[in-house]
Amino acid sequence: MRRTAILAACAISFVAGIGATTFQPARSSRREPQFENEHMKVWKSIIEPNQPLSQHRHDHGRALIALTDGVADVVDPSGKVLATYNWEKGKAYWLGVDPPNETHADVNKSGKTIEVLVVELKRDR
């Protein structure tokens, strides 16, 4: 009887463990604030495959430091590709101000998570 109870408890734990790993919700793309003062704003962007960041714009120039390799398309609201970037882990890139009245979304084309650190200047004009 005791052996049956132990076996049943192990089986339930095993099945619960499978459910926890098998049915995890998909991670979503996001920005994680890191630091901000009167000179700059710093955030980490995590862009999951097929999970674009929402439409947004940049009114200030910014440096981007790639924390992972990855390919990202920058698309307008209609889905038209405005630019494609091939980020290399450990390299830094400069991205200027967006054109007036233009928004974009960042779309991960890599098939794996892209992570970048962005340092946006507040007084670059």
Protein backbone atom coordinates (compact mmCIF):
# COMPACT_ATOMS: atom_id res chain seq x y z
CA MET A 1 0.00 0.00 0.00
CA ARG A 2 2.75 2.44 1.00
CA ARG A 3 4.74 1.57 -2.15
CA THR A 4 1.64 2.25 -4.29
CA ALA A 5 1.13 5.65 -2.65
CA ILE A 6 4.78 6.61 -3.25
CA LEU A 7 4.57 5.43 -6.86
CA ALA A 8 1.36 7.42 -7.39
CA ALA A 9 2.94 10.56 -5.89
CA CYS A 10 5.97 10.19 -8.19
CA ALA A 11 3.73 9.70 -11.22
CA ILE A 12 1.67 12.80 -10.39
CA SER A 13 4.85 14.87 -9.88
CA PHE A 14 6.25 13.62 -13.19
CA VAL A 15 3.07 14.45 -15.12
CA ALA A 16 2.84 17.88 -13.46
CA GLY A 17 6.46 18.54 -14.41
CA ILE A 18 5.80 17.66 -18.03
CA GLY A 19 2.84 20.03 -18.07
CA ALA A 20 4.92 22.83 -16.60
CA THR A 21 7.61 22.50 -19.25
CA THR A 22 5.39 21.62 -22.20
CA PHE A 23 2.69 24.24 -21.83
CA GLN A 24 4.69 27.34 -20.91
CA PRO A 25 3.29 30.52 -22.44
CA ALA A 26 5.27 32.07 -25.30
CA ARG A 27 7.64 34.84 -24.27
CA SER A 28 6.88 38.21 -25.78
CA SER A 29 9.16 40.91 -27.13
CA ARG A 30 9.72 43.75 -24.72
CA ARG A 31 11.80 46.67 -23.48
CA GLU A 32 13.37 46.48 -20.03
CA PRO A 33 14.37 49.91 -18.63
CA GLN A 34 17.94 49.94 -17.28
CA PHE A 35 18.84 53.56 -16.45
CA GLU A 36 17.66 57.11 -17.08
CA ASN A 37 18.87 60.60 -16.22
CA GLU A 38 18.68 64.07 -17.81
CA HIS A 39 21.26 63.09 -20.48
CA MET A 40 20.19 59.63 -21.64
CA LYS A 41 17.78 56.74 -21.42
CA VAL A 42 19.05 53.14 -21.48
CA TRP A 43 16.98 50.03 -22.07
CA LYS A 44 17.39 46.42 -23.10
CA SER A 45 15.24 45.28 -26.01
CA ILE A 46 14.44 41.59 -26.16
CA ILE A 47 12.94 40.67 -29.51
CA GLU A 48 11.51 37.18 -29.84
CA PRO A 49 11.10 35.49 -33.24
CA ASN A 50 7.75 36.39 -34.82
CA GLN A 51 6.98 38.76 -31.90
CA PRO A 52 7.71 42.29 -33.20
CA LEU A 53 8.10 45.23 -30.87
CA SER A 54 5.10 47.55 -31.13
CA GLN A 55 5.16 50.54 -33.50
CA HIS A 56 7.23 53.38 -32.08
CA ARG A 57 9.61 56.15 -33.09
CA HIS A 58 12.90 57.65 -31.95
CA ASP A 59 13.16 61.43 -31.69
CA HIS A 60 16.79 61.20 -30.55
CA GLY A 61 19.92 59.47 -31.81
CA ARG A 62 20.99 56.30 -30.05
CA ALA A 63 23.76 53.77 -29.76
CA LEU A 64 22.82 50.10 -29.94
CA ILE A 65 25.06 47.39 -28.50
CA ALA A 66 24.25 43.89 -29.72
CA LEU A 67 24.20 41.36 -26.88
CA THR A 68 23.40 38.54 -29.33
CA ASP A 69 23.77 37.97 -33.05
CA GLY A 70 20.60 38.52 -35.04
CA VAL A 71 18.85 39.85 -38.11
CA ALA A 72 16.05 42.40 -37.65
CA ASP A 73 13.78 44.12 -40.14
CA VAL A 74 12.49 47.59 -39.38
CA VAL A 75 8.96 47.82 -40.81
CA ASP A 76 6.41 50.61 -41.17
CA PRO A 77 2.76 50.17 -40.06
CA SER A 78 1.86 48.57 -43.43
CA GLY A 79 4.64 45.97 -43.04
CA LYS A 80 6.95 47.53 -45.64
CA VAL A 81 10.60 46.84 -44.78
CA LEU A 82 12.40 50.15 -44.22
CA ALA A 83 15.77 48.63 -43.27
CA THR A 84 17.38 45.33 -42.37
CA TYR A 85 20.09 45.10 -39.72
CA ASN A 86 22.53 42.25 -39.17
CA TRP A 87 23.57 42.65 -35.54
CA GLU A 88 26.85 41.07 -34.44
CA LYS A 89 27.25 40.18 -30.77
CA GLY A 90 29.57 42.61 -28.98
CA LYS A 91 29.47 45.31 -31.67
CA ALA A 92 28.04 48.82 -31.28
CA TYR A 93 25.99 50.68 -33.90
CA TRP A 94 24.73 54.26 -34.27
CA LEU A 95 21.11 54.86 -35.25
CA GLY A 96 19.96 58.40 -35.95
CA VAL A 97 16.66 60.19 -35.45
CA ASP A 98 13.64 58.72 -37.23
CA PRO A 99 12.17 60.77 -40.10
CA PRO A 100 9.30 63.09 -39.07
CA ASN A 101 5.90 61.39 -38.63
CA GLU A 102 7.37 57.92 -39.24
CA THR A 103 6.89 54.99 -36.88
CA HIS A 104 8.35 51.53 -37.12
CA ALA A 105 8.36 48.10 -35.50
CA ASP A 106 11.38 45.82 -35.11
CA VAL A 107 10.85 42.29 -36.43
CA ASN A 108 13.23 39.46 -35.51
CA LYS A 109 14.09 37.40 -38.62
CA SER A 110 16.69 35.22 -36.85
CA GLY A 111 14.64 32.34 -35.49
CA LYS A 112 16.21 32.93 -32.05
CA THR A 113 15.91 35.66 -29.42
CA ILE A 114 17.71 38.94 -30.15
CA GLU A 115 18.91 41.08 -27.23
CA VAL A 116 20.31 44.59 -27.62
CA LEU A 117 21.17 47.39 -25.22
CA VAL A 118 20.07 50.84 -26.42
CA VAL A 119 21.51 54.14 -25.15
CA GLU A 120 19.33 57.00 -26.39
CA LEU A 121 20.59 60.57 -26.00
CA LYS A 122 18.15 63.19 -24.74
CA ARG A 123 20.07 66.33 -25.78
CA ASP A 124 21.43 65.49 -29.22
CA ARG A 125 19.83 68.40 -31.08
